[in-house]
Amino acid sequence: MDDKINQRAELAEKDWWNQYADLESQIWNYNWLLSSVVRRNYLREMVKFLYRPGGRVLDIGCGDGWVGLLLAQRGMHVDGIDLAEAQIELAQRRAQARGLDNARFWCASTADLPEEANYDGIIIHATLHHLNQEQRQDLLNQTGKLLAPDGRLYMYEPIAALLPRPLIARFLDRGMGVLIRTLKRTARNLRLSRDNIRRAVRDGWTMQSPNEAPLVLSQVELELPEGLALDQVRYWHVFSIAYANFCMELKPFWQAVFSPGVVLFYLLDRVILNLEMGQYLLSWPMAAIKVKKSIRKCCARD
């Protein structure tokens, strides 16, 4: 019965990502300003953590390939897999457009990882939270087998809120949620957003796939197999991601007008996260989870 449930859940995810591959790629491929403000620091940290000259990287749930290709551009050999054929087609086109012959992509589920081992690094970027507990456990067990003896795993995932929640966390969630929803609704009503975005929203698109939900950090630590140890968990984003996504829904002129505002949202995130308030928010704060293949040790949080 569990296998049938997992198969139905996987099929629902696959259908959703095939249907909305172009739309999701359009949203998540930020313009230069949004990328510089929101992504530069955490991606620089990811590259530093995983980079090995001439090494090999496996990008699990690669989407249109934009994360793994950052390491391919540095000379590493990158293998990317994704459940949706439409996503793999985008990744292949992206690699070809950059003239990268050291990146290959193919369609596969997280239960059908490559048999070859000794990857220097593995990326799971915003993928783990689309899986149920059994699927996550199986995937993490496989990563332990696929990593080289000194290999490293980098995950970037939304984290569920800790309970009980202080009043200020509830205020931030409610206030910022209303603000972002109001911005999106106003832009759509005034036809500032892209036509395909308005059509997709009218047809039921919400940016949330059928099975995704934030991860419970303590549960992920328990699910790590023997030999994989949490090295560091660092919260990076909360509201700046939501604002950047709003900007990417807009037509080019209005995108240029609104994009500079992301600086304010990123600075707000820094204040919230430095006060360790992010771990109490329901707004899906995004955290980088660094894992090393070594003896298990306690998790250090920044």
Protein backbone atom coordinates (compact mmCIF):
# COMPACT_ATOMS: atom_id res chain seq x y z
CA MET A 1 0.00 0.00 0.00
CA ASP A 2 2.82 2.42 0.89
CA ASP A 3 4.44 1.82 -2.51
CA LYS A 4 1.18 2.71 -4.28
CA ILE A 5 0.82 5.86 -2.20
CA ASN A 6 4.40 6.87 -2.99
CA GLN A 7 3.86 6.18 -6.69
CA ARG A 8 0.70 8.30 -6.79
CA ALA A 9 2.46 11.13 -4.95
CA GLU A 10 5.44 10.95 -7.30
CA LEU A 11 3.17 10.96 -10.36
CA ALA A 12 1.31 14.01 -9.06
CA GLU A 13 4.61 15.87 -8.58
CA LYS A 14 5.86 14.83 -12.01
CA ASP A 15 2.68 15.97 -13.75
CA TRP A 16 2.75 19.29 -11.90
CA TRP A 17 6.38 20.02 -12.76
CA ASN A 18 5.92 19.03 -16.39
CA GLN A 19 2.89 21.30 -16.62
CA TYR A 20 4.55 24.31 -15.01
CA ALA A 21 8.22 23.81 -15.94
CA ASP A 22 8.49 26.92 -18.11
CA LEU A 23 6.55 29.05 -15.65
CA GLU A 24 8.60 27.94 -12.65
CA SER A 25 11.84 28.45 -14.58
CA GLN A 26 10.73 31.97 -15.47
CA ILE A 27 10.05 32.79 -11.82
CA TRP A 28 13.18 31.25 -10.29
CA ASN A 29 15.68 32.57 -12.84
CA TYR A 30 16.06 35.94 -11.17
CA ASN A 31 17.31 39.01 -12.98
CA TRP A 32 20.81 40.32 -12.27
CA LEU A 33 19.82 42.60 -9.39
CA LEU A 34 17.64 40.07 -7.57
CA SER A 35 20.32 37.38 -7.95
CA SER A 36 23.06 39.71 -6.71
CA VAL A 37 21.14 40.67 -3.59
CA VAL A 38 19.36 37.44 -2.67
CA ARG A 39 21.52 34.63 -4.00
CA ARG A 40 25.11 35.75 -4.31
CA ASN A 41 26.23 35.02 -0.75
CA TYR A 42 24.63 31.63 -0.19
CA LEU A 43 25.59 30.37 -3.64
CA ARG A 44 29.16 31.54 -3.11
CA GLU A 45 29.14 29.57 0.15
CA MET A 46 27.74 26.50 -1.66
CA VAL A 47 30.45 26.62 -4.33
CA LYS A 48 33.17 27.03 -1.71
CA PHE A 49 31.80 24.08 0.29
CA LEU A 50 31.49 21.69 -2.68
CA TYR A 51 34.21 22.76 -5.10
CA ARG A 52 36.94 20.27 -5.88
CA PRO A 53 39.13 20.91 -8.98
CA GLY A 54 38.10 18.39 -11.61
CA GLY A 55 35.68 16.75 -9.16
CA ARG A 56 32.24 15.26 -9.71
CA VAL A 57 28.90 16.57 -8.46
CA LEU A 58 25.43 15.02 -8.46
CA ASP A 59 22.54 17.51 -8.57
CA ILE A 60 19.39 15.73 -7.32
CA GLY A 61 16.14 17.42 -8.36
CA CYS A 62 18.15 19.68 -10.64
CA GLY A 63 15.18 21.45 -12.23
CA ASP A 64 16.39 23.52 -15.16
CA GLY A 65 20.00 23.04 -14.03
CA TRP A 66 20.86 26.54 -12.90
CA VAL A 67 22.39 25.51 -9.55
CA GLY A 68 24.58 22.62 -10.72
CA LEU A 69 25.81 24.58 -13.71
CA LEU A 70 27.49 27.04 -11.36
CA LEU A 71 29.95 24.25 -10.52
CA ALA A 72 30.14 23.04 -14.12
CA GLN A 73 31.30 26.53 -15.06
CA ARG A 74 34.12 26.09 -12.54
CA GLY A 75 35.25 22.91 -14.31
CA MET A 76 33.57 20.23 -12.21
CA HIS A 77 31.71 17.36 -13.88
CA VAL A 78 28.02 17.65 -13.06
CA ASP A 79 25.31 14.99 -13.32
CA GLY A 80 21.78 16.29 -12.88
CA ILE A 81 18.58 14.29 -12.48
CA ASP A 82 14.98 15.44 -12.22
CA LEU A 83 11.59 13.78 -12.20
CA ALA A 84 10.10 15.95 -14.95
CA GLU A 85 11.10 15.60 -18.62
CA ALA A 86 10.27 19.25 -19.27
CA GLN A 87 12.76 20.35 -16.61
CA ILE A 88 15.52 18.16 -18.05
CA GLU A 89 14.95 19.63 -21.51
CA LEU A 90 15.42 23.11 -20.06
CA ALA A 91 18.60 22.03 -18.25
CA GLN A 92 20.08 20.50 -21.39
CA ARG A 93 19.34 23.62 -23.41
CA ARG A 94 20.88 25.79 -20.69
CA ALA A 95 24.11 23.72 -20.68
CA GLN A 96 24.31 23.79 -24.48
CA ALA A 97 23.78 27.56 -24.54
CA ARG A 98 26.79 27.93 -22.23
CA GLY A 99 28.92 25.51 -24.24
CA LEU A 100 29.34 23.18 -21.25
CA ASP A 101 30.13 19.58 -22.21
CA ASN A 102 30.96 18.61 -18.60
CA ALA A 103 27.29 18.67 -17.53
CA ARG A 104 24.80 15.94 -18.34
CA PHE A 105 21.15 15.70 -17.37
CA TRP A 106 18.62 12.90 -17.48
CA CYS A 107 15.14 12.14 -16.20
CA ALA A 108 14.98 9.97 -13.07
CA SER A 109 13.23 9.88 -9.72
CA THR A 110 15.00 10.16 -6.38
CA ALA A 111 14.50 6.38 -6.04
CA ASP A 112 16.49 5.78 -9.24
CA LEU A 113 19.83 7.45 -8.61
CA PRO A 114 22.92 6.60 -10.67
CA GLU A 115 24.77 3.47 -9.60
CA GLU A 116 28.19 5.03 -9.93
CA ALA A 117 29.60 6.29 -6.63
CA ASN A 118 32.42 8.49 -5.37
CA TYR A 119 30.81 11.87 -6.04
CA ASP A 120 32.82 14.65 -4.42
CA GLY A 121 29.64 16.59 -3.81
CA ILE A 122 25.88 16.20 -3.92
CA ILE A 123 23.36 19.05 -4.21
CA ILE A 124 19.78 18.76 -3.01
CA HIS A 125 18.45 22.25 -3.69
CA ALA A 126 14.80 22.79 -2.68
CA THR A 127 13.95 19.15 -3.44
CA LEU A 128 13.87 17.28 -0.13
CA HIS A 129 10.73 19.10 1.04
CA HIS A 130 8.78 17.62 -1.90
CA LEU A 131 9.26 14.09 -0.50
CA ASN A 132 7.54 12.21 2.30
CA GLN A 133 9.48 10.78 5.25
CA GLU A 134 10.07 7.37 3.67
CA GLN A 135 11.28 8.89 0.41
CA ARG A 136 13.56 11.31 2.26
CA GLN A 137 15.08 8.49 4.29
CA ASP A 138 15.73 6.40 1.19
CA LEU A 139 17.28 9.37 -0.61
CA LEU A 140 19.59 10.28 2.26
CA ASN A 141 20.66 6.65 2.60
CA GLN A 142 21.59 6.65 -1.09
CA THR A 143 23.56 9.88 -0.84
CA GLY A 144 25.70 8.29 1.86
CA LYS A 145 26.58 5.47 -0.52
CA LEU A 146 27.22 7.74 -3.51
CA LEU A 147 29.54 10.19 -1.79
CA ALA A 148 33.30 9.74 -1.85
CA PRO A 149 34.96 9.13 1.55
CA ASP A 150 35.52 12.87 2.00
CA GLY A 151 32.42 13.91 0.06
CA ARG A 152 30.02 16.66 1.01
CA LEU A 153 26.27 17.19 0.74
CA TYR A 154 24.70 20.64 0.42
CA MET A 155 20.97 21.05 0.95
CA TYR A 156 18.93 24.24 0.70
CA GLU A 157 15.42 23.76 2.04
CA PRO A 158 12.50 25.50 3.79
CA ILE A 159 12.35 24.81 7.52
CA ALA A 160 9.20 24.40 9.63
CA ALA A 161 8.60 26.72 12.57
CA LEU A 162 9.48 25.81 16.12
CA LEU A 163 6.69 25.88 18.72
CA PRO A 164 5.59 27.71 20.80
CA ARG A 165 5.80 30.87 18.68
CA PRO A 166 6.40 34.33 20.17
CA LEU A 167 3.93 37.09 19.39
CA ILE A 168 6.37 38.98 17.16
CA ALA A 169 6.75 35.92 14.92
CA ARG A 170 2.99 35.74 14.44
CA PHE A 171 2.91 39.48 13.71
CA LEU A 172 5.68 39.17 11.09
CA ASP A 173 4.03 36.21 9.39
CA ARG A 174 0.66 37.90 9.18
CA GLY A 175 1.90 41.37 8.26
CA MET A 176 4.39 40.35 5.59
CA GLY A 177 2.02 37.75 4.19
CA VAL A 178 -0.66 40.40 3.71
CA LEU A 179 1.86 42.76 2.11
CA ILE A 180 3.15 40.23 -0.44
CA ARG A 181 -0.36 39.01 -1.32
CA THR A 182 -1.53 42.61 -1.74
CA LEU A 183 1.40 43.43 -4.04
CA LYS A 184 0.68 40.40 -6.21
CA ARG A 185 -3.06 40.99 -6.36
CA THR A 186 -2.62 44.69 -7.19
CA ALA A 187 -0.08 43.93 -9.92
CA ARG A 188 -2.38 41.40 -11.52
CA ASN A 189 -5.41 43.68 -11.34
CA LEU A 190 -3.47 46.56 -12.89
CA ARG A 191 -1.99 44.21 -15.51
CA LEU A 192 1.57 44.86 -14.34
CA SER A 193 2.22 41.12 -14.14
CA ARG A 194 3.00 38.95 -17.14
CA ASP A 195 0.05 37.68 -19.14
CA ASN A 196 1.01 34.02 -18.69
CA ILE A 197 1.22 34.54 -14.90
CA ARG A 198 -2.29 35.96 -14.77
CA ARG A 199 -3.61 33.08 -16.88
CA ALA A 200 -1.87 30.49 -14.71
CA VAL A 201 -3.20 32.02 -11.49
CA ARG A 202 -6.69 32.12 -12.99
CA ASP A 203 -6.33 28.41 -13.80
CA GLY A 204 -5.26 27.53 -10.25
CA TRP A 205 -1.45 27.84 -10.19
CA THR A 206 -0.16 28.80 -6.73
CA MET A 207 3.61 28.05 -7.02
CA GLN A 208 3.15 25.21 -4.52
CA SER A 209 3.40 21.68 -5.88
CA PRO A 210 1.08 18.89 -4.60
CA ASN A 211 3.39 17.37 -1.97
CA GLU A 212 5.68 20.12 -0.75
CA ALA A 213 5.88 21.14 2.90
CA PRO A 214 8.66 22.63 5.07
CA LEU A 215 11.09 20.26 6.74
CA VAL A 216 11.39 19.62 10.47
CA LEU A 217 15.10 20.17 11.02
CA SER A 218 15.42 17.78 13.95
CA GLN A 219 13.76 15.05 11.87
CA VAL A 220 16.24 15.54 9.01
CA GLU A 221 19.11 15.14 11.47
CA LEU A 222 17.62 11.85 12.66
CA GLU A 223 17.17 10.65 9.07
CA LEU A 224 20.84 11.09 8.19
CA PRO A 225 22.44 7.64 7.86
CA GLU A 226 25.51 6.60 9.82
CA GLY A 227 28.57 8.25 8.35
CA LEU A 228 26.86 11.50 7.37
CA ALA A 229 27.12 14.31 9.91
CA LEU A 230 25.47 17.72 10.03
CA ASP A 231 28.25 20.27 9.86
CA GLN A 232 26.29 23.53 9.85
CA VAL A 233 22.78 24.88 9.42
CA ARG A 234 22.53 28.48 8.35
CA TYR A 235 19.27 30.35 7.74
CA TRP A 236 19.47 32.63 4.69
CA HIS A 237 16.11 33.92 3.49
CA VAL A 238 12.54 34.50 4.52
CA PHE A 239 10.71 37.45 2.96
CA SER A 240 13.33 38.43 0.35
CA ILE A 241 12.54 35.23 -1.57
CA ALA A 242 8.83 36.02 -1.61
CA TYR A 243 9.47 39.58 -2.80
CA ALA A 244 11.93 38.45 -5.48
CA ASN A 245 9.37 35.94 -6.76
CA PHE A 246 6.78 38.73 -6.88
CA CYS A 247 9.17 40.85 -8.98
CA MET A 248 9.74 37.99 -11.43
CA GLU A 249 5.99 37.79 -12.05
CA LEU A 250 6.01 41.33 -13.45
CA LYS A 251 6.42 42.58 -17.00
CA PRO A 252 10.01 43.67 -17.76
CA PHE A 253 9.46 47.42 -17.22
CA TRP A 254 7.72 46.94 -13.86
CA GLN A 255 10.21 44.29 -12.85
CA ALA A 256 12.95 46.89 -13.24
CA VAL A 257 10.91 49.40 -11.20
CA PHE A 258 10.19 47.07 -8.27
CA SER A 259 13.41 44.99 -8.13
CA PRO A 260 15.51 47.52 -6.13
CA GLY A 261 13.05 47.08 -3.25
CA VAL A 262 14.50 43.62 -2.65
CA VAL A 263 17.39 45.26 -0.79
CA LEU A 264 15.02 46.31 2.00
CA PHE A 265 13.54 42.81 2.25
CA TYR A 266 17.00 41.23 2.34
CA LEU A 267 18.09 43.58 5.13
CA LEU A 268 14.90 42.72 7.02
CA ASP A 269 15.77 39.05 6.66
CA ARG A 270 19.23 39.69 8.07
CA VAL A 271 17.76 41.38 11.15
CA ILE A 272 15.16 38.64 11.67
CA LEU A 273 17.65 35.83 11.23
CA ASN A 274 20.37 37.45 13.35
CA LEU A 275 17.82 37.63 16.16
CA GLU A 276 17.10 33.91 15.58
CA MET A 277 13.47 34.86 14.94
CA GLY A 278 13.37 33.05 11.58
CA GLN A 279 13.10 29.64 13.21
CA TYR A 280 9.67 30.60 14.60
CA LEU A 281 8.14 31.80 11.31
CA LEU A 282 5.57 29.91 9.29
CA SER A 283 6.72 31.73 6.15
CA TRP A 284 9.08 28.90 5.19
CA PRO A 285 12.51 30.36 6.02
CA MET A 286 15.17 28.88 3.74
CA ALA A 287 18.25 27.30 5.29
CA ALA A 288 21.47 25.87 3.90
CA ILE A 289 22.24 22.49 5.48
CA LYS A 290 25.85 21.39 5.15
CA VAL A 291 26.65 17.72 5.63
CA LYS A 292 30.02 16.00 5.60
CA LYS A 293 30.75 12.31 5.20
CA SER A 294 32.40 11.69 8.55
CA ILE A 295 31.67 10.59 12.09
CA ARG A 296 28.33 11.99 13.31
CA LYS A 297 28.63 15.09 15.43
CA CYS A 298 26.37 17.77 16.85
CA CYS A 299 24.83 20.33 14.59
CA ALA A 300 26.18 23.87 14.85
CA ARG A 301 23.72 26.59 13.90
CA ASP A 302 24.55 30.12 12.78
